[in-house]
């Protein structure tokens, strides 16, 4: 069974915070060396992918704080062999 809910349902609502209009999630990525070293993160390989959802159900993506289409997020993750 596949359950699909409105992603805007993730926006917090409570008596204390009744007017929150969006929520966001960010995932940090970095390429690493397979060697045992103190600093095994490959230089300039870090990047952050974020998605923000508005209360109306619309959303947008960012890569390193730059708004980008979903297709470019997929392309980036595929280029890094993450999907």
PDB file of N, CA and C in Angstrom:
ATOM      1  N   UNK A   1       0.845  -1.173   0.000  1.00  0.00           N
ATOM      2  CA  UNK A   1       0.000   0.000   0.000  1.00  0.00           C
ATOM      3  C   UNK A   1       0.892   1.239   0.000  1.00  0.00           C
ATOM      4  N   UNK A   2       0.555   2.196  -0.809  1.00  0.00           N
ATOM      5  CA  UNK A   2       1.320   3.442  -0.895  1.00  0.00           C
ATOM      6  C   UNK A   2       0.467   4.570  -0.336  1.00  0.00           C
ATOM      7  N   UNK A   3       0.977   5.207   0.707  1.00  0.00           N
ATOM      8  CA  UNK A   3       0.254   6.316   1.330  1.00  0.00           C
ATOM      9  C   UNK A   3       0.939   7.610   0.937  1.00  0.00           C
ATOM     10  N   UNK A   4       0.176   8.539   0.413  1.00  0.00           N
ATOM     11  CA  UNK A   4       0.744   9.823   0.013  1.00  0.00           C
ATOM     12  C   UNK A   4      -0.068  10.923   0.692  1.00  0.00           C
ATOM     13  N   UNK A   5       0.604  11.735   1.459  1.00  0.00           N
ATOM     14  CA  UNK A   5      -0.052  12.839   2.153  1.00  0.00           C
ATOM     15  C   UNK A   5       0.399  14.150   1.536  1.00  0.00           C
ATOM     16  N   UNK A   6      -0.368  15.178   1.776  1.00  0.00           N
ATOM     17  CA  UNK A   6       0.057  16.502   1.330  1.00  0.00           C
ATOM     18  C   UNK A   6       1.308  16.877   2.100  1.00  0.00           C
ATOM     19  N   UNK A   7       2.312  17.286   1.361  1.00  0.00           N
ATOM     20  CA  UNK A   7       3.585  17.622   2.005  1.00  0.00           C
ATOM     21  C   UNK A   7       3.430  18.850   2.916  1.00  0.00           C
ATOM     22  N   UNK A   8       2.445  19.697   2.621  1.00  0.00           N
ATOM     23  CA  UNK A   8       2.212  20.867   3.473  1.00  0.00           C
ATOM     24  C   UNK A   8       1.739  20.461   4.867  1.00  0.00           C
ATOM     25  N   UNK A   9       1.308  19.208   5.038  1.00  0.00           N
ATOM     26  CA  UNK A   9       0.899  18.725   6.360  1.00  0.00           C
ATOM     27  C   UNK A   9       2.080  18.670   7.324  1.00  0.00           C
ATOM     28  N   UNK A  10       3.304  18.754   6.805  1.00  0.00           N
ATOM     29  CA  UNK A  10       4.491  18.745   7.659  1.00  0.00           C
ATOM     30  C   UNK A  10       4.713  20.082   8.369  1.00  0.00           C
ATOM     31  N   UNK A  11       4.006  21.116   7.946  1.00  0.00           N
ATOM     32  CA  UNK A  11       4.170  22.442   8.560  1.00  0.00           C
ATOM     33  C   UNK A  11       3.534  22.430   9.949  1.00  0.00           C
ATOM     34  N   UNK A  12       4.314  22.813  10.920  1.00  0.00           N
ATOM     35  CA  UNK A  12       3.880  22.806  12.318  1.00  0.00           C
ATOM     36  C   UNK A  12       2.716  23.773  12.542  1.00  0.00           C
ATOM     37  N   UNK A  13       1.722  23.289  13.260  1.00  0.00           N
ATOM     38  CA  UNK A  13       0.594  24.137  13.650  1.00  0.00           C
ATOM     39  C   UNK A  13       0.290  23.852  15.118  1.00  0.00           C
ATOM     40  N   UNK A  14       0.189  24.908  15.904  1.00  0.00           N
ATOM     41  CA  UNK A  14      -0.182  24.761  17.308  1.00  0.00           C
ATOM     42  C   UNK A  14      -0.701  26.094  17.813  1.00  0.00           C
ATOM     43  N   UNK A  15      -1.255  26.092  19.012  1.00  0.00           N
ATOM     44  CA  UNK A  15      -1.724  27.341  19.604  1.00  0.00           C
ATOM     45  C   UNK A  15      -0.574  28.316  19.806  1.00  0.00           C
ATOM     46  N   UNK A  16       0.595  27.784  20.123  1.00  0.00           N
ATOM     47  CA  UNK A  16       1.756  28.634  20.362  1.00  0.00           C
ATOM     48  C   UNK A  16       2.322  29.209  19.056  1.00  0.00           C
ATOM     49  N   UNK A  17       2.224  28.460  17.960  1.00  0.00           N
ATOM     50  CA  UNK A  17       2.754  28.880  16.657  1.00  0.00           C
ATOM     51  C   UNK A  17       1.670  28.704  15.585  1.00  0.00           C
ATOM     52  N   UNK A  18       0.646  29.556  15.584  1.00  0.00           N
ATOM     53  CA  UNK A  18      -0.482  29.358  14.658  1.00  0.00           C
ATOM     54  C   UNK A  18      -0.233  29.848  13.225  1.00  0.00           C
ATOM     55  N   UNK A  19       0.770  30.660  12.998  1.00  0.00           N
ATOM     56  CA  UNK A  19       0.925  31.300  11.687  1.00  0.00           C
ATOM     57  C   UNK A  19       2.190  30.914  10.923  1.00  0.00           C
ATOM     58  N   UNK A  20       2.709  29.733  11.146  1.00  0.00           N
ATOM     59  CA  UNK A  20       3.886  29.295  10.401  1.00  0.00           C
ATOM     60  C   UNK A  20       3.439  28.966   8.982  1.00  0.00           C
ATOM     61  N   UNK A  21       4.128  29.534   8.007  1.00  0.00           N
ATOM     62  CA  UNK A  21       3.671  29.417   6.619  1.00  0.00           C
ATOM     63  C   UNK A  21       4.534  28.498   5.756  1.00  0.00           C
ATOM     64  N   UNK A  22       5.613  27.931   6.325  1.00  0.00           N
ATOM     65  CA  UNK A  22       6.457  27.042   5.530  1.00  0.00           C
ATOM     66  C   UNK A  22       7.297  26.157   6.443  1.00  0.00           C
ATOM     67  N   UNK A  23       7.866  25.126   5.832  1.00  0.00           N
ATOM     68  CA  UNK A  23       8.847  24.295   6.533  1.00  0.00           C
ATOM     69  C   UNK A  23       9.927  23.928   5.529  1.00  0.00           C
ATOM     70  N   UNK A  24      11.105  23.635   6.031  1.00  0.00           N
ATOM     71  CA  UNK A  24      12.246  23.321   5.168  1.00  0.00           C
ATOM     72  C   UNK A  24      13.029  22.152   5.725  1.00  0.00           C
ATOM     73  N   UNK A  25      13.688  21.453   4.826  1.00  0.00           N
ATOM     74  CA  UNK A  25      14.624  20.405   5.212  1.00  0.00           C
ATOM     75  C   UNK A  25      15.863  20.577   4.335  1.00  0.00           C
ATOM     76  N   UNK A  26      17.026  20.379   4.926  1.00  0.00           N
ATOM     77  CA  UNK A  26      18.295  20.472   4.201  1.00  0.00           C
ATOM     78  C   UNK A  26      19.117  19.223   4.469  1.00  0.00           C
ATOM     79  N   UNK A  27      19.779  18.750   3.416  1.00  0.00           N
ATOM     80  CA  UNK A  27      20.649  17.587   3.532  1.00  0.00           C
ATOM     81  C   UNK A  27      22.043  17.998   3.063  1.00  0.00           C
ATOM     82  N   UNK A  28      23.026  17.748   3.905  1.00  0.00           N
ATOM     83  CA  UNK A  28      24.417  18.079   3.588  1.00  0.00           C
ATOM     84  C   UNK A  28      25.105  16.875   2.956  1.00  0.00           C
ATOM     85  N   UNK A  29      25.807  17.120   1.857  1.00  0.00           N
ATOM     86  CA  UNK A  29      26.529  16.073   1.154  1.00  0.00           C
ATOM     87  C   UNK A  29      28.005  16.454   1.058  1.00  0.00           C
ATOM     88  N   UNK A  30      28.854  15.430   0.982  1.00  0.00           N
ATOM     89  CA  UNK A  30      30.282  15.622   0.725  1.00  0.00           C
ATOM     90  C   UNK A  30      30.844  14.307   0.220  1.00  0.00           C
ATOM     91  N   UNK A  31      31.772  14.411  -0.708  1.00  0.00           N
ATOM     92  CA  UNK A  31      32.473  13.228  -1.191  1.00  0.00           C
ATOM     93  C   UNK A  31      33.618  12.956  -0.222  1.00  0.00           C
ATOM     94  N   UNK A  32      33.845  11.681   0.062  1.00  0.00           N
ATOM     95  CA  UNK A  32      34.928  11.319   0.979  1.00  0.00           C
ATOM     96  C   UNK A  32      35.884  10.340   0.311  1.00  0.00           C
ATOM     97  N   UNK A  33      37.100  10.345   0.807  1.00  0.00           N
ATOM     98  CA  UNK A  33      38.106   9.380   0.368  1.00  0.00           C
ATOM     99  C   UNK A  33      37.880   8.091   1.147  1.00  0.00           C
ATOM    100  N   UNK A  34      38.131   6.980   0.532  1.00  0.00           N
ATOM    101  CA  UNK A  34      37.973   5.691   1.192  1.00  0.00           C
ATOM    102  C   UNK A  34      39.187   5.316   2.023  1.00  0.00           C
ATOM    103  N   UNK A  35      40.003   6.286   2.322  1.00  0.00           N
ATOM    104  CA  UNK A  35      41.212   6.031   3.082  1.00  0.00           C
ATOM    105  C   UNK A  35      41.010   6.507   4.517  1.00  0.00           C
ATOM    106  N   UNK A  36      41.725   5.898   5.413  1.00  0.00           N
ATOM    107  CA  UNK A  36      41.637   6.318   6.813  1.00  0.00           C
ATOM    108  C   UNK A  36      42.609   7.471   7.014  1.00  0.00           C
ATOM    109  N   UNK A  37      42.046   8.640   7.067  1.00  0.00           N
ATOM    110  CA  UNK A  37      42.838   9.859   7.274  1.00  0.00           C
ATOM    111  C   UNK A  37      42.094  10.765   8.232  1.00  0.00           C
ATOM    112  N   UNK A  38      42.800  11.728   8.732  1.00  0.00           N
ATOM    113  CA  UNK A  38      42.169  12.698   9.626  1.00  0.00           C
ATOM    114  C   UNK A  38      41.112  13.498   8.879  1.00  0.00           C
ATOM    115  N   UNK A  39      41.438  13.978   7.703  1.00  0.00           N
ATOM    116  CA  UNK A  39      40.508  14.773   6.905  1.00  0.00           C
ATOM    117  C   UNK A  39      40.249  14.033   5.598  1.00  0.00           C
ATOM    118  N   UNK A  40      39.200  13.236   5.575  1.00  0.00           N
ATOM    119  CA  UNK A  40      38.946  12.439   4.383  1.00  0.00           C
ATOM    120  C   UNK A  40      37.877  13.023   3.457  1.00  0.00           C
ATOM    121  N   UNK A  41      37.442  14.258   3.695  1.00  0.00           N
ATOM    122  CA  UNK A  41      36.481  14.922   2.809  1.00  0.00           C
ATOM    123  C   UNK A  41      37.233  15.530   1.643  1.00  0.00           C
ATOM    124  N   UNK A  42      36.772  15.237   0.435  1.00  0.00           N
ATOM    125  CA  UNK A  42      37.405  15.763  -0.763  1.00  0.00           C
ATOM    126  C   UNK A  42      37.125  17.257  -0.877  1.00  0.00           C
ATOM    127  N   UNK A  43      38.189  18.019  -1.089  1.00  0.00           N
ATOM    128  CA  UNK A  43      38.107  19.480  -1.162  1.00  0.00           C
ATOM    129  C   UNK A  43      37.058  19.921  -2.194  1.00  0.00           C
ATOM    130  N   UNK A  44      36.257  20.919  -1.818  1.00  0.00           N
ATOM    131  CA  UNK A  44      35.228  21.531  -2.669  1.00  0.00           C
ATOM    132  C   UNK A  44      34.137  20.556  -3.105  1.00  0.00           C
ATOM    133  N   UNK A  45      33.926  19.481  -2.353  1.00  0.00           N
ATOM    134  CA  UNK A  45      32.883  18.531  -2.728  1.00  0.00           C
ATOM    135  C   UNK A  45      31.610  18.688  -1.892  1.00  0.00           C
ATOM    136  N   UNK A  46      31.645  19.556  -0.906  1.00  0.00           N
ATOM    137  CA  UNK A  46      30.473  19.744  -0.041  1.00  0.00           C
ATOM    138  C   UNK A  46      29.387  20.536  -0.771  1.00  0.00           C
ATOM    139  N   UNK A  47      28.132  20.090  -0.581  1.00  0.00           N
ATOM    140  CA  UNK A  47      27.002  20.875  -1.074  1.00  0.00           C
ATOM    141  C   UNK A  47      25.766  20.515  -0.256  1.00  0.00           C
ATOM    142  N   UNK A  48      24.790  21.421  -0.259  1.00  0.00           N
ATOM    143  CA  UNK A  48      23.570  21.274   0.519  1.00  0.00           C
ATOM    144  C   UNK A  48      22.381  21.341  -0.424  1.00  0.00           C
ATOM    145  N   UNK A  49      21.474  20.382  -0.284  1.00  0.00           N
ATOM    146  CA  UNK A  49      20.223  20.383  -1.039  1.00  0.00           C
ATOM    147  C   UNK A  49      19.100  20.640  -0.044  1.00  0.00           C
ATOM    148  N   UNK A  50      18.242  21.624  -0.348  1.00  0.00           N
ATOM    149  CA  UNK A  50      17.140  21.990   0.536  1.00  0.00           C
ATOM    150  C   UNK A  50      15.827  21.999  -0.229  1.00  0.00           C
ATOM    151  N   UNK A  51      14.751  21.740   0.500  1.00  0.00           N
ATOM    152  CA  UNK A  51      13.413  21.893  -0.055  1.00  0.00           C
ATOM    153  C   UNK A  51      12.579  22.646   0.957  1.00  0.00           C
ATOM    154  N   UNK A  52      11.863  23.662   0.479  1.00  0.00           N
ATOM    155  CA  UNK A  52      10.960  24.446   1.312  1.00  0.00           C
ATOM    156  C   UNK A  52       9.546  24.272   0.772  1.00  0.00           C
ATOM    157  N   UNK A  53       8.615  23.994   1.676  1.00  0.00           N
ATOM    158  CA  UNK A  53       7.214  23.798   1.318  1.00  0.00           C
ATOM    159  C   UNK A  53       6.398  24.920   1.943  1.00  0.00           C
ATOM    160  N   UNK A  54       5.524  25.518   1.143  1.00  0.00           N
ATOM    161  CA  UNK A  54       4.636  26.582   1.604  1.00  0.00           C
ATOM    162  C   UNK A  54       3.303  25.970   2.048  1.00  0.00           C
ATOM    163  N   UNK A  55       2.555  26.695   2.840  1.00  0.00           N
ATOM    164  CA  UNK A  55       1.282  26.215   3.360  1.00  0.00           C
ATOM    165  C   UNK A  55       0.290  25.909   2.225  1.00  0.00           C
ATOM    166  N   UNK A  56       0.426  26.563   1.088  1.00  0.00           N
ATOM    167  CA  UNK A  56      -0.477  26.305  -0.048  1.00  0.00           C
ATOM    168  C   UNK A  56      -0.084  25.054  -0.829  1.00  0.00           C
ATOM    169  N   UNK A  57       0.973  24.360  -0.400  1.00  0.00           N
ATOM    170  CA  UNK A  57       1.409  23.133  -1.052  1.00  0.00           C
ATOM    171  C   UNK A  57       2.502  23.335  -2.081  1.00  0.00           C
ATOM    172  N   UNK A  58       2.795  24.571  -2.445  1.00  0.00           N
ATOM    173  CA  UNK A  58       3.880  24.819  -3.400  1.00  0.00           C
ATOM    174  C   UNK A  58       5.217  24.611  -2.692  1.00  0.00           C
ATOM    175  N   UNK A  59       6.240  24.348  -3.478  1.00  0.00           N
ATOM    176  CA  UNK A  59       7.553  24.148  -2.883  1.00  0.00           C
ATOM    177  C   UNK A  59       8.636  24.558  -3.865  1.00  0.00           C
ATOM    178  N   UNK A  60       9.836  24.730  -3.314  1.00  0.00           N
ATOM    179  CA  UNK A  60      10.987  25.026  -4.161  1.00  0.00           C
ATOM    180  C   UNK A  60      12.220  24.364  -3.573  1.00  0.00           C
ATOM    181  N   UNK A  61      13.194  24.130  -4.444  1.00  0.00           N
ATOM    182  CA  UNK A  61      14.446  23.479  -4.085  1.00  0.00           C
ATOM    183  C   UNK A  61      15.584  24.479  -4.158  1.00  0.00           C
ATOM    184  N   UNK A  62      16.625  24.196  -3.384  1.00  0.00           N
ATOM    185  CA  UNK A  62      17.848  24.989  -3.427  1.00  0.00           C
ATOM    186  C   UNK A  62      19.051  24.054  -3.396  1.00  0.00           C
ATOM    187  N   UNK A  63      20.079  24.434  -4.115  1.00  0.00           N
ATOM    188  CA  UNK A  63      21.380  23.794  -3.991  1.00  0.00           C
ATOM    189  C   UNK A  63      22.332  24.891  -3.550  1.00  0.00           C
ATOM    190  N   UNK A  64      22.921  24.707  -2.371  1.00  0.00           N
ATOM    191  CA  UNK A  64      23.837  25.707  -1.793  1.00  0.00           C
ATOM    192  C   UNK A  64      23.203  27.093  -1.781  1.00  0.00           C
ATOM    193  N   UNK A  65      21.965  27.177  -1.297  1.00  0.00           N
ATOM    194  CA  UNK A  65      21.220  28.431  -1.126  1.00  0.00           C
ATOM    195  C   UNK A  65      20.831  29.117  -2.428  1.00  0.00           C
ATOM    196  N   UNK A  66      20.888  28.420  -3.549  1.00  0.00           N
ATOM    197  CA  UNK A  66      20.471  28.978  -4.836  1.00  0.00           C
ATOM    198  C   UNK A  66      19.244  28.197  -5.316  1.00  0.00           C
ATOM    199  N   UNK A  67      18.128  28.905  -5.529  1.00  0.00           N
ATOM    200  CA  UNK A  67      16.904  28.262  -5.990  1.00  0.00           C
ATOM    201  C   UNK A  67      17.146  27.584  -7.328  1.00  0.00           C
ATOM    202  N   UNK A  68      16.664  26.344  -7.441  1.00  0.00           N
ATOM    203  CA  UNK A  68      16.913  25.549  -8.639  1.00  0.00           C
ATOM    204  C   UNK A  68      15.733  24.627  -8.901  1.00  0.00           C
ATOM    205  N   UNK A  69      15.474  24.297 -10.160  1.00  0.00           N
ATOM    206  CA  UNK A  69      14.373  23.370 -10.463  1.00  0.00           C
ATOM    207  C   UNK A  69      14.664  21.956  -9.946  1.00  0.00           C
ATOM    208  N   UNK A  70      13.612  21.214  -9.679  1.00  0.00           N
ATOM    209  CA  UNK A  70      13.744  19.841  -9.198  1.00  0.00           C
ATOM    210  C   UNK A  70      14.593  18.997 -10.139  1.00  0.00           C
ATOM    211  N   UNK A  71      14.429  19.189 -11.432  1.00  0.00           N
ATOM    212  CA  UNK A  71      15.206  18.405 -12.405  1.00  0.00           C
ATOM    213  C   UNK A  71      16.707  18.634 -12.238  1.00  0.00           C
ATOM    214  N   UNK A  72      17.115  19.843 -11.851  1.00  0.00           N
ATOM    215  CA  UNK A  72      18.537  20.113 -11.631  1.00  0.00           C
ATOM    216  C   UNK A  72      19.044  19.468 -10.347  1.00  0.00           C
ATOM    217  N   UNK A  73      18.172  19.360  -9.353  1.00  0.00           N
ATOM    218  CA  UNK A  73      18.541  18.641  -8.133  1.00  0.00           C
ATOM    219  C   UNK A  73      18.800  17.180  -8.481  1.00  0.00           C
ATOM    220  N   UNK A  74      17.885  16.584  -9.241  1.00  0.00           N
ATOM    221  CA  UNK A  74      18.065  15.190  -9.654  1.00  0.00           C
ATOM    222  C   UNK A  74      19.334  15.020 -10.481  1.00  0.00           C
ATOM    223  N   UNK A  75      19.581  15.967 -11.379  1.00  0.00           N
ATOM    224  CA  UNK A  75      20.776  15.888 -12.228  1.00  0.00           C
ATOM    225  C   UNK A  75      22.049  15.951 -11.374  1.00  0.00           C
ATOM    226  N   UNK A  76      22.067  16.832 -10.393  1.00  0.00           N
ATOM    227  CA  UNK A  76      23.223  16.974  -9.509  1.00  0.00           C
ATOM    228  C   UNK A  76      23.455  15.701  -8.704  1.00  0.00           C
ATOM    229  N   UNK A  77      22.395  15.170  -8.124  1.00  0.00           N
ATOM    230  CA  UNK A  77      22.529  13.949  -7.321  1.00  0.00           C
ATOM    231  C   UNK A  77      22.950  12.760  -8.184  1.00  0.00           C
ATOM    232  N   UNK A  78      22.448  12.718  -9.405  1.00  0.00           N
ATOM    233  CA  UNK A  78      22.838  11.642 -10.318  1.00  0.00           C
ATOM    234  C   UNK A  78      24.299  11.768 -10.707  1.00  0.00           C
ATOM    235  N   UNK A  79      24.757  13.003 -10.970  1.00  0.00           N
ATOM    236  CA  UNK A  79      26.170  13.232 -11.341  1.00  0.00           C
ATOM    237  C   UNK A  79      27.110  12.814 -10.217  1.00  0.00           C
ATOM    238  N   UNK A  80      26.646  12.944  -8.984  1.00  0.00           N
ATOM    239  CA  UNK A  80      27.449  12.541  -7.830  1.00  0.00           C
ATOM    240  C   UNK A  80      27.245  11.066  -7.488  1.00  0.00           C
ATOM    241  N   UNK A  81      26.485  10.377  -8.345  1.00  0.00           N
ATOM    242  CA  UNK A  81      26.177   8.947  -8.174  1.00  0.00           C
ATOM    243  C   UNK A  81      25.460   8.666  -6.862  1.00  0.00           C
ATOM    244  N   UNK A  82      24.558   9.583  -6.495  1.00  0.00           N
ATOM    245  CA  UNK A  82      23.788   9.425  -5.272  1.00  0.00           C
ATOM    246  C   UNK A  82      22.393   8.861  -5.544  1.00  0.00           C
ATOM    247  N   UNK A  83      21.972   8.919  -6.801  1.00  0.00           N
ATOM    248  CA  UNK A  83      20.705   8.284  -7.194  1.00  0.00           C
ATOM    249  C   UNK A  83      20.908   7.536  -8.491  1.00  0.00           C
TER     250      UNK A  83
END
